[in-house]
Amino acid sequence: MNKKLTMLCGFALVLGCSAAFAAESAKPAKEADKSQEQEKNTKAAVKAKAAQRKITKEEIGKEAVCPVTGEKFKVTAETLSASYKGKVYYFCCPGCDKPFSKDPEKYINKKEAGQDKIYVCPMGDYQGNKPGKCPKCGMNLAEKKAERSKTYVCPMGDYQGDKPGECPKCGMDLVEKK
């Protein structure tokens, strides 16, 4: 009888331990599955940064500004575009869509930073970012004129920008316009 009882207790112990072991070993597997799922979601989010899209008939002829170069142009059937955070961005040339797709925030923030206007008091006492009256003297604030920046052009005549570098269309070095 003692032998039977000992064997029965042994089986109960083995079964109890194996169930606990199975539960413990399942935890890392579940955590690994979760981390793999999170990694997939992160990769999907990275891929979804800027989705390429086709131009519609309604968009052809629309005035647009390239977020990469700042160049103004009219949208054609060949114009490349991408949607990001619910907004459509158009590119002046095939070389502009790739850098935008890699890091859209870099170009969106650059564009928004360039849109800030500065308002100054005619008396020179105050400077702010909103139109209105000077808090010191009460005069109307005037928009500050931007300093004339240098213009750089492609020797082939295909591109004009405000920074030196390579032409995004043909790859030649830009030269300062005189």
N, C-alpha and C. Protein backbone atom coordinates (compact mmCIF):
# COMPACT_ATOMS: atom_id res chain seq x y z
N MET A 1 0.82 -1.18 0.00
CA MET A 1 0.00 0.00 0.00
C MET A 1 0.87 1.25 0.00
N ASN A 2 1.94 1.20 0.84
CA ASN A 2 2.84 2.34 0.87
C ASN A 2 3.47 2.59 -0.49
N LYS A 3 3.78 1.51 -1.18
CA LYS A 3 4.39 1.65 -2.49
C LYS A 3 3.42 2.33 -3.45
N LYS A 4 2.15 1.93 -3.42
CA LYS A 4 1.12 2.53 -4.28
C LYS A 4 0.93 4.00 -3.94
N LEU A 5 0.89 4.31 -2.66
CA LEU A 5 0.71 5.70 -2.22
C LEU A 5 1.91 6.55 -2.64
N THR A 6 3.10 6.01 -2.52
CA THR A 6 4.30 6.73 -2.92
C THR A 6 4.28 6.99 -4.41
N MET A 7 3.90 5.98 -5.18
CA MET A 7 3.83 6.15 -6.64
C MET A 7 2.76 7.17 -7.02
N LEU A 8 1.64 7.12 -6.35
CA LEU A 8 0.56 8.06 -6.63
C LEU A 8 0.99 9.50 -6.32
N CYS A 9 1.66 9.68 -5.18
CA CYS A 9 2.17 11.02 -4.83
C CYS A 9 3.23 11.46 -5.83
N GLY A 10 4.05 10.55 -6.29
CA GLY A 10 5.08 10.86 -7.28
C GLY A 10 4.46 11.33 -8.59
N PHE A 11 3.42 10.61 -9.04
CA PHE A 11 2.73 11.02 -10.27
C PHE A 11 2.07 12.38 -10.12
N ALA A 12 1.47 12.61 -9.00
CA ALA A 12 0.81 13.90 -8.75
C ALA A 12 1.83 15.02 -8.76
N LEU A 13 2.98 14.76 -8.15
CA LEU A 13 4.04 15.77 -8.11
C LEU A 13 4.57 16.05 -9.51
N VAL A 14 4.80 15.00 -10.30
CA VAL A 14 5.30 15.15 -11.66
C VAL A 14 4.27 15.89 -12.51
N LEU A 15 3.03 15.49 -12.41
CA LEU A 15 1.99 16.14 -13.21
C LEU A 15 1.82 17.60 -12.79
N GLY A 16 1.84 17.86 -11.52
CA GLY A 16 1.71 19.23 -11.01
C GLY A 16 2.87 20.09 -11.46
N CYS A 17 4.08 19.55 -11.36
CA CYS A 17 5.27 20.30 -11.76
C CYS A 17 5.29 20.53 -13.27
N SER A 18 4.89 19.52 -14.04
CA SER A 18 4.93 19.67 -15.50
C SER A 18 3.89 20.70 -15.96
N ALA A 19 2.75 20.78 -15.27
CA ALA A 19 1.75 21.79 -15.63
C ALA A 19 2.28 23.18 -15.30
N ALA A 20 2.95 23.31 -14.16
CA ALA A 20 3.53 24.61 -13.78
C ALA A 20 4.66 24.96 -14.73
N PHE A 21 5.46 23.94 -15.10
CA PHE A 21 6.56 24.18 -16.02
C PHE A 21 6.03 24.61 -17.39
N ALA A 22 4.97 23.95 -17.84
CA ALA A 22 4.38 24.29 -19.13
C ALA A 22 3.85 25.72 -19.11
N ALA A 23 3.23 26.12 -18.01
CA ALA A 23 2.71 27.49 -17.90
C ALA A 23 3.84 28.50 -17.90
N GLU A 24 4.94 28.20 -17.17
CA GLU A 24 6.10 29.11 -17.12
C GLU A 24 6.79 29.20 -18.47
N SER A 25 6.92 28.08 -19.16
CA SER A 25 7.62 28.10 -20.45
C SER A 25 6.76 28.76 -21.53
N ALA A 26 5.47 28.82 -21.33
CA ALA A 26 4.59 29.48 -22.31
C ALA A 26 4.70 30.99 -22.22
N LYS A 27 5.06 31.53 -21.05
CA LYS A 27 5.17 32.99 -20.88
C LYS A 27 6.20 33.60 -21.83
N PRO A 28 7.44 33.10 -21.88
CA PRO A 28 8.40 33.70 -22.81
C PRO A 28 7.95 33.59 -24.27
N ALA A 29 7.27 32.50 -24.61
CA ALA A 29 6.79 32.34 -25.98
C ALA A 29 5.74 33.40 -26.29
N LYS A 30 4.84 33.65 -25.33
CA LYS A 30 3.82 34.67 -25.54
C LYS A 30 4.47 36.05 -25.64
N GLU A 31 5.47 36.31 -24.78
CA GLU A 31 6.16 37.60 -24.83
C GLU A 31 6.91 37.76 -26.15
N ALA A 32 7.51 36.68 -26.64
CA ALA A 32 8.21 36.72 -27.93
C ALA A 32 7.22 37.02 -29.05
N ASP A 33 6.04 36.38 -28.98
CA ASP A 33 5.01 36.65 -30.00
C ASP A 33 4.58 38.11 -29.97
N LYS A 34 4.42 38.66 -28.76
CA LYS A 34 4.03 40.06 -28.62
C LYS A 34 5.09 40.98 -29.20
N SER A 35 6.37 40.70 -28.89
CA SER A 35 7.44 41.57 -29.39
C SER A 35 7.55 41.46 -30.91
N GLN A 36 7.33 40.26 -31.46
CA GLN A 36 7.36 40.11 -32.92
C GLN A 36 6.19 40.88 -33.54
N GLU A 37 5.04 40.84 -32.92
CA GLU A 37 3.88 41.56 -33.42
C GLU A 37 4.11 43.07 -33.36
N GLN A 38 4.71 43.54 -32.26
CA GLN A 38 5.02 44.97 -32.13
C GLN A 38 6.03 45.38 -33.19
N GLU A 39 7.02 44.53 -33.47
CA GLU A 39 8.02 44.83 -34.49
C GLU A 39 7.37 44.92 -35.87
N LYS A 40 6.44 44.01 -36.16
CA LYS A 40 5.72 44.07 -37.43
C LYS A 40 4.92 45.36 -37.55
N ASN A 41 4.23 45.74 -36.46
CA ASN A 41 3.45 46.98 -36.47
C ASN A 41 4.35 48.19 -36.66
N THR A 42 5.52 48.18 -36.04
CA THR A 42 6.46 49.29 -36.19
C THR A 42 6.94 49.37 -37.64
N LYS A 43 7.28 48.22 -38.22
CA LYS A 43 7.72 48.22 -39.61
C LYS A 43 6.61 48.69 -40.52
N ALA A 44 5.37 48.30 -40.25
CA ALA A 44 4.24 48.74 -41.06
C ALA A 44 4.06 50.24 -40.93
N ALA A 45 4.24 50.77 -39.72
CA ALA A 45 4.11 52.22 -39.51
C ALA A 45 5.20 52.97 -40.26
N VAL A 46 6.41 52.41 -40.28
CA VAL A 46 7.50 53.06 -41.00
C VAL A 46 7.19 53.06 -42.49
N LYS A 47 6.70 51.93 -43.00
CA LYS A 47 6.35 51.85 -44.42
C LYS A 47 5.21 52.80 -44.76
N ALA A 48 4.32 53.05 -43.83
CA ALA A 48 3.15 53.89 -44.08
C ALA A 48 3.44 55.37 -43.91
N LYS A 49 4.72 55.72 -43.72
CA LYS A 49 5.05 57.12 -43.51
C LYS A 49 4.48 58.01 -44.60
N ALA A 50 4.83 57.74 -45.84
CA ALA A 50 4.35 58.55 -46.95
C ALA A 50 3.96 57.60 -48.08
N ALA A 51 2.68 57.42 -48.29
CA ALA A 51 2.20 56.48 -49.29
C ALA A 51 2.15 57.14 -50.66
N GLN A 52 2.80 56.50 -51.64
CA GLN A 52 2.78 57.01 -53.01
C GLN A 52 1.36 56.90 -53.55
N ARG A 53 0.99 57.84 -54.40
CA ARG A 53 -0.36 57.82 -54.97
C ARG A 53 -0.34 58.36 -56.38
N LYS A 54 -1.39 58.10 -57.12
CA LYS A 54 -1.50 58.57 -58.50
C LYS A 54 -2.27 59.89 -58.53
N ILE A 55 -1.96 60.69 -59.53
CA ILE A 55 -2.64 61.98 -59.73
C ILE A 55 -4.01 61.73 -60.35
N THR A 56 -5.02 62.45 -59.87
CA THR A 56 -6.35 62.35 -60.45
C THR A 56 -6.53 63.44 -61.49
N LYS A 57 -7.53 63.30 -62.32
CA LYS A 57 -7.81 64.30 -63.37
C LYS A 57 -8.09 65.67 -62.77
N GLU A 58 -8.73 65.70 -61.62
CA GLU A 58 -9.07 66.97 -60.98
C GLU A 58 -7.84 67.73 -60.49
N GLU A 59 -6.76 67.01 -60.21
CA GLU A 59 -5.56 67.64 -59.69
C GLU A 59 -4.67 68.25 -60.77
N ILE A 60 -4.82 67.81 -62.01
CA ILE A 60 -3.99 68.31 -63.11
C ILE A 60 -4.25 69.80 -63.32
N GLY A 61 -3.16 70.57 -63.38
CA GLY A 61 -3.26 72.02 -63.55
C GLY A 61 -3.24 72.79 -62.24
N LYS A 62 -3.34 72.10 -61.13
CA LYS A 62 -3.35 72.74 -59.80
C LYS A 62 -1.96 73.29 -59.49
N GLU A 63 -1.91 74.45 -58.85
CA GLU A 63 -0.64 75.04 -58.40
C GLU A 63 -0.17 74.26 -57.17
N ALA A 64 1.12 73.91 -57.14
CA ALA A 64 1.66 73.16 -56.01
C ALA A 64 3.06 73.67 -55.67
N VAL A 65 3.50 73.34 -54.47
CA VAL A 65 4.85 73.66 -54.02
C VAL A 65 5.50 72.36 -53.57
N CYS A 66 6.66 72.05 -54.13
CA CYS A 66 7.39 70.84 -53.76
C CYS A 66 7.88 70.98 -52.32
N PRO A 67 7.57 70.00 -51.44
CA PRO A 67 8.01 70.11 -50.04
C PRO A 67 9.52 69.97 -49.88
N VAL A 68 10.20 69.38 -50.86
CA VAL A 68 11.64 69.15 -50.76
C VAL A 68 12.42 70.37 -51.22
N THR A 69 12.07 70.91 -52.40
CA THR A 69 12.84 72.03 -52.96
C THR A 69 12.20 73.39 -52.72
N GLY A 70 10.89 73.40 -52.46
CA GLY A 70 10.17 74.67 -52.29
C GLY A 70 9.78 75.29 -53.62
N GLU A 71 10.01 74.59 -54.71
CA GLU A 71 9.71 75.10 -56.05
C GLU A 71 8.20 75.07 -56.31
N LYS A 72 7.70 76.16 -56.91
CA LYS A 72 6.29 76.22 -57.30
C LYS A 72 6.17 75.68 -58.72
N PHE A 73 5.10 74.91 -58.96
CA PHE A 73 4.89 74.32 -60.29
C PHE A 73 3.43 73.93 -60.43
N LYS A 74 3.04 73.57 -61.66
CA LYS A 74 1.68 73.09 -61.92
C LYS A 74 1.71 71.57 -62.02
N VAL A 75 0.72 70.94 -61.42
CA VAL A 75 0.62 69.49 -61.40
C VAL A 75 0.25 69.00 -62.80
N THR A 76 0.98 67.97 -63.27
CA THR A 76 0.68 67.33 -64.55
C THR A 76 0.34 65.87 -64.28
N ALA A 77 -0.01 65.14 -65.32
CA ALA A 77 -0.34 63.72 -65.18
C ALA A 77 0.89 62.92 -64.73
N GLU A 78 2.10 63.42 -65.03
CA GLU A 78 3.33 62.72 -64.66
C GLU A 78 3.85 63.10 -63.28
N THR A 79 3.26 64.09 -62.65
CA THR A 79 3.73 64.54 -61.34
C THR A 79 3.61 63.42 -60.32
N LEU A 80 4.66 63.25 -59.54
CA LEU A 80 4.62 62.26 -58.46
C LEU A 80 4.00 62.91 -57.23
N SER A 81 3.30 62.11 -56.44
CA SER A 81 2.68 62.63 -55.22
C SER A 81 2.64 61.55 -54.16
N ALA A 82 2.46 61.99 -52.93
CA ALA A 82 2.35 61.07 -51.81
C ALA A 82 1.38 61.65 -50.80
N SER A 83 0.72 60.77 -50.06
CA SER A 83 -0.15 61.25 -49.00
C SER A 83 0.50 60.91 -47.68
N TYR A 84 0.40 61.86 -46.76
CA TYR A 84 1.00 61.68 -45.44
C TYR A 84 0.15 62.42 -44.42
N LYS A 85 -0.29 61.70 -43.41
CA LYS A 85 -1.14 62.25 -42.35
C LYS A 85 -2.36 62.97 -42.92
N GLY A 86 -2.95 62.38 -43.95
CA GLY A 86 -4.18 62.91 -44.52
C GLY A 86 -3.99 64.07 -45.49
N LYS A 87 -2.76 64.43 -45.80
CA LYS A 87 -2.51 65.54 -46.72
C LYS A 87 -1.72 65.03 -47.91
N VAL A 88 -1.98 65.62 -49.09
CA VAL A 88 -1.29 65.22 -50.31
C VAL A 88 -0.14 66.17 -50.58
N TYR A 89 1.02 65.61 -50.91
CA TYR A 89 2.21 66.39 -51.25
C TYR A 89 2.62 66.05 -52.68
N TYR A 90 2.94 67.09 -53.46
CA TYR A 90 3.32 66.93 -54.86
C TYR A 90 4.81 67.23 -55.00
N PHE A 91 5.48 66.53 -55.93
CA PHE A 91 6.92 66.69 -56.11
C PHE A 91 7.22 67.23 -57.50
N CYS A 92 8.17 68.18 -57.55
CA CYS A 92 8.50 68.85 -58.81
C CYS A 92 9.25 67.94 -59.77
N CYS A 93 9.94 66.94 -59.25
CA CYS A 93 10.71 66.04 -60.11
C CYS A 93 10.82 64.66 -59.47
N PRO A 94 11.23 63.66 -60.25
CA PRO A 94 11.32 62.30 -59.70
C PRO A 94 12.32 62.15 -58.56
N GLY A 95 13.31 63.03 -58.46
CA GLY A 95 14.30 62.92 -57.39
C GLY A 95 13.81 63.37 -56.03
N CYS A 96 12.67 64.04 -55.97
CA CYS A 96 12.20 64.60 -54.70
C CYS A 96 11.34 63.64 -53.88
N ASP A 97 10.73 62.66 -54.51
CA ASP A 97 9.83 61.79 -53.75
C ASP A 97 10.57 60.85 -52.80
N LYS A 98 11.76 60.41 -53.18
CA LYS A 98 12.49 59.45 -52.34
C LYS A 98 12.91 60.05 -51.00
N PRO A 99 13.56 61.23 -50.97
CA PRO A 99 13.93 61.76 -49.66
C PRO A 99 12.71 62.09 -48.80
N PHE A 100 11.63 62.53 -49.44
CA PHE A 100 10.41 62.83 -48.68
C PHE A 100 9.85 61.55 -48.07
N SER A 101 9.84 60.47 -48.85
CA SER A 101 9.30 59.20 -48.35
C SER A 101 10.11 58.66 -47.18
N LYS A 102 11.43 58.90 -47.19
CA LYS A 102 12.27 58.41 -46.09
C LYS A 102 12.02 59.15 -44.79
N ASP A 103 11.82 60.49 -44.88
CA ASP A 103 11.65 61.29 -43.67
C ASP A 103 10.73 62.48 -43.94
N PRO A 104 9.41 62.24 -44.04
CA PRO A 104 8.48 63.33 -44.36
C PRO A 104 8.49 64.46 -43.34
N GLU A 105 8.66 64.14 -42.07
CA GLU A 105 8.61 65.17 -41.03
C GLU A 105 9.70 66.22 -41.23
N LYS A 106 10.85 65.80 -41.74
CA LYS A 106 11.96 66.73 -41.98
C LYS A 106 11.52 67.83 -42.93
N TYR A 107 10.79 67.46 -43.98
CA TYR A 107 10.39 68.43 -45.00
C TYR A 107 9.14 69.20 -44.59
N ILE A 108 8.24 68.56 -43.87
CA ILE A 108 7.03 69.25 -43.42
C ILE A 108 7.42 70.31 -42.40
N ASN A 109 8.28 69.96 -41.45
CA ASN A 109 8.72 70.92 -40.44
C ASN A 109 9.49 72.07 -41.07
N LYS A 110 10.30 71.78 -42.10
CA LYS A 110 11.05 72.82 -42.79
C LYS A 110 10.08 73.79 -43.45
N LYS A 111 9.05 73.25 -44.06
CA LYS A 111 8.06 74.08 -44.75
C LYS A 111 7.31 74.95 -43.73
N GLU A 112 6.89 74.34 -42.62
CA GLU A 112 6.15 75.09 -41.62
C GLU A 112 7.02 76.16 -40.96
N ALA A 113 8.29 75.84 -40.74
CA ALA A 113 9.19 76.82 -40.13
C ALA A 113 9.37 78.02 -41.06
N GLY A 114 9.40 77.77 -42.36
CA GLY A 114 9.58 78.85 -43.31
C GLY A 114 8.33 79.71 -43.46
N GLN A 115 7.19 79.24 -43.00
CA GLN A 115 5.95 79.98 -43.15
C GLN A 115 5.73 80.99 -42.02
N ASP A 116 6.54 80.94 -40.99
CA ASP A 116 6.39 81.88 -39.88
C ASP A 116 6.73 83.28 -40.36
N LYS A 117 5.83 84.20 -40.14
CA LYS A 117 6.07 85.60 -40.50
C LYS A 117 6.46 86.35 -39.23
N ILE A 118 7.26 87.37 -39.43
CA ILE A 118 7.68 88.19 -38.30
C ILE A 118 7.09 89.58 -38.51
N TYR A 119 6.49 90.12 -37.45
CA TYR A 119 5.90 91.46 -37.48
C TYR A 119 6.70 92.36 -36.55
N VAL A 120 7.01 93.55 -37.04
CA VAL A 120 7.84 94.48 -36.26
C VAL A 120 7.13 95.81 -36.10
N CYS A 121 7.50 96.48 -35.04
CA CYS A 121 6.99 97.82 -34.77
C CYS A 121 7.78 98.80 -35.65
N PRO A 122 7.12 99.77 -36.31
CA PRO A 122 7.84 100.76 -37.11
C PRO A 122 8.86 101.56 -36.28
N MET A 123 8.63 101.66 -35.00
CA MET A 123 9.55 102.39 -34.14
C MET A 123 10.76 101.53 -33.73
N GLY A 124 10.69 100.22 -34.04
CA GLY A 124 11.81 99.32 -33.74
C GLY A 124 11.84 98.82 -32.32
N ASP A 125 10.75 99.01 -31.56
CA ASP A 125 10.72 98.62 -30.16
C ASP A 125 10.26 97.18 -29.92
N TYR A 126 9.60 96.57 -30.92
CA TYR A 126 8.97 95.28 -30.66
C TYR A 126 9.02 94.42 -31.92
N GLN A 127 9.06 93.09 -31.70
CA GLN A 127 9.02 92.11 -32.79
C GLN A 127 8.20 90.92 -32.31
N GLY A 128 7.26 90.45 -33.13
CA GLY A 128 6.42 89.32 -32.76
C GLY A 128 6.05 88.48 -33.96
N ASN A 129 5.28 87.40 -33.74
CA ASN A 129 4.91 86.52 -34.84
C ASN A 129 3.43 86.63 -35.22
N LYS A 130 2.73 87.64 -34.68
CA LYS A 130 1.31 87.85 -35.01
C LYS A 130 1.10 89.31 -35.38
N PRO A 131 0.22 89.58 -36.34
CA PRO A 131 -0.09 90.97 -36.66
C PRO A 131 -0.91 91.60 -35.53
N GLY A 132 -0.97 92.90 -35.52
CA GLY A 132 -1.73 93.59 -34.48
C GLY A 132 -1.07 94.90 -34.12
N LYS A 133 -1.24 95.31 -32.89
CA LYS A 133 -0.67 96.58 -32.41
C LYS A 133 0.54 96.30 -31.52
N CYS A 134 1.50 97.20 -31.56
CA CYS A 134 2.69 97.10 -30.72
C CYS A 134 2.25 97.28 -29.26
N PRO A 135 2.64 96.37 -28.38
CA PRO A 135 2.24 96.51 -26.98
C PRO A 135 2.94 97.66 -26.26
N LYS A 136 4.00 98.19 -26.84
CA LYS A 136 4.74 99.28 -26.20
C LYS A 136 4.21 100.65 -26.61
N CYS A 137 4.01 100.85 -27.96
CA CYS A 137 3.62 102.20 -28.41
C CYS A 137 2.23 102.26 -29.03
N GLY A 138 1.62 101.09 -29.35
CA GLY A 138 0.28 101.07 -29.88
C GLY A 138 0.19 101.20 -31.40
N MET A 139 1.32 101.35 -32.10
CA MET A 139 1.30 101.45 -33.56
C MET A 139 1.03 100.08 -34.17
N ASN A 140 0.49 100.06 -35.41
CA ASN A 140 0.26 98.81 -36.11
C ASN A 140 1.59 98.16 -36.47
N LEU A 141 1.68 96.84 -36.23
CA LEU A 141 2.88 96.10 -36.59
C LEU A 141 2.91 95.88 -38.09
N ALA A 142 4.09 95.92 -38.68
CA ALA A 142 4.26 95.69 -40.11
C ALA A 142 5.02 94.38 -40.31
N GLU A 143 4.68 93.69 -41.41
CA GLU A 143 5.37 92.45 -41.71
C GLU A 143 6.82 92.76 -42.09
N LYS A 144 7.73 92.02 -41.48
CA LYS A 144 9.15 92.24 -41.74
C LYS A 144 9.48 91.67 -43.11
N LYS A 145 10.14 92.45 -43.91
CA LYS A 145 10.54 92.02 -45.25
C LYS A 145 11.71 91.05 -45.11
N ALA A 146 11.65 89.99 -45.87
CA ALA A 146 12.73 89.00 -45.83
C ALA A 146 13.95 89.55 -46.56
N GLU A 147 15.12 89.25 -46.01
CA GLU A 147 16.33 89.65 -46.68
C GLU A 147 16.42 88.88 -47.99
N ARG A 148 16.91 89.56 -49.00
CA ARG A 148 17.04 88.91 -50.31
C ARG A 148 18.08 87.80 -50.20
N SER A 149 17.64 86.60 -50.48
CA SER A 149 18.56 85.47 -50.40
C SER A 149 19.16 85.19 -51.78
N LYS A 150 20.22 84.45 -51.77
CA LYS A 150 20.87 84.10 -53.02
C LYS A 150 20.02 83.06 -53.74
N THR A 151 20.09 83.09 -55.06
CA THR A 151 19.37 82.12 -55.87
C THR A 151 20.39 81.29 -56.63
N TYR A 152 20.17 79.98 -56.63
CA TYR A 152 21.07 79.07 -57.32
C TYR A 152 20.29 78.40 -58.45
N VAL A 153 20.92 78.31 -59.61
CA VAL A 153 20.24 77.77 -60.79
C VAL A 153 21.05 76.62 -61.38
N CYS A 154 20.35 75.77 -62.09
CA CYS A 154 20.99 74.68 -62.81
C CYS A 154 21.56 75.24 -64.11
N PRO A 155 22.79 74.89 -64.48
CA PRO A 155 23.35 75.37 -65.75
C PRO A 155 22.51 74.97 -66.96
N MET A 156 21.74 73.90 -66.83
CA MET A 156 20.88 73.45 -67.93
C MET A 156 19.56 74.23 -67.96
N GLY A 157 19.31 75.01 -66.92
CA GLY A 157 18.10 75.83 -66.87
C GLY A 157 16.85 75.12 -66.41
N ASP A 158 17.01 73.92 -65.84
CA ASP A 158 15.85 73.13 -65.43
C ASP A 158 15.37 73.40 -64.02
N TYR A 159 16.18 74.07 -63.22
CA TYR A 159 15.85 74.17 -61.80
C TYR A 159 16.40 75.47 -61.22
N GLN A 160 15.68 75.99 -60.21
CA GLN A 160 16.11 77.18 -59.49
C GLN A 160 15.78 76.97 -58.02
N GLY A 161 16.75 77.23 -57.13
CA GLY A 161 16.53 77.03 -55.71
C GLY A 161 17.26 78.08 -54.88
N ASP A 162 17.12 77.98 -53.57
CA ASP A 162 17.74 78.97 -52.69
C ASP A 162 18.95 78.43 -51.93
N LYS A 163 19.36 77.19 -52.24
CA LYS A 163 20.52 76.59 -51.58
C LYS A 163 21.47 76.00 -52.62
N PRO A 164 22.78 76.06 -52.35
CA PRO A 164 23.72 75.43 -53.27
C PRO A 164 23.61 73.91 -53.16
N GLY A 165 24.13 73.21 -54.14
CA GLY A 165 24.09 71.75 -54.12
C GLY A 165 23.95 71.23 -55.52
N GLU A 166 23.32 70.06 -55.64
CA GLU A 166 23.10 69.44 -56.94
C GLU A 166 21.67 69.66 -57.39
N CYS A 167 21.50 69.77 -58.70
CA CYS A 167 20.16 69.88 -59.29
C CYS A 167 19.44 68.55 -59.07
N PRO A 168 18.23 68.56 -58.50
CA PRO A 168 17.53 67.30 -58.27
C PRO A 168 17.05 66.65 -59.57
N LYS A 169 17.04 67.41 -60.66
CA LYS A 169 16.56 66.85 -61.93
C LYS A 169 17.68 66.20 -62.73
N CYS A 170 18.87 66.90 -62.84
CA CYS A 170 19.93 66.35 -63.70
C CYS A 170 21.20 66.01 -62.93
N GLY A 171 21.34 66.45 -61.69
CA GLY A 171 22.50 66.10 -60.88
C GLY A 171 23.70 67.03 -61.01
N MET A 172 23.61 68.05 -61.88
CA MET A 172 24.72 69.00 -62.04
C MET A 172 24.79 69.94 -60.84
N ASP A 173 25.97 70.51 -60.58
CA ASP A 173 26.13 71.48 -59.48
C ASP A 173 25.40 72.75 -59.82
N LEU A 174 24.66 73.28 -58.84
CA LEU A 174 23.96 74.55 -59.02
C LEU A 174 24.97 75.70 -58.93
N VAL A 175 24.71 76.77 -59.70
CA VAL A 175 25.57 77.95 -59.68
C VAL A 175 24.75 79.15 -59.19
N GLU A 176 25.44 80.09 -58.56
CA GLU A 176 24.75 81.27 -58.04
C GLU A 176 24.30 82.15 -59.19
N LYS A 177 23.03 82.57 -59.12
CA LYS A 177 22.48 83.46 -60.15
C LYS A 177 22.95 84.86 -59.85
N LYS A 178 23.41 85.57 -60.87
CA LYS A 178 23.93 86.94 -60.67
C LYS A 178 22.95 87.97 -61.14
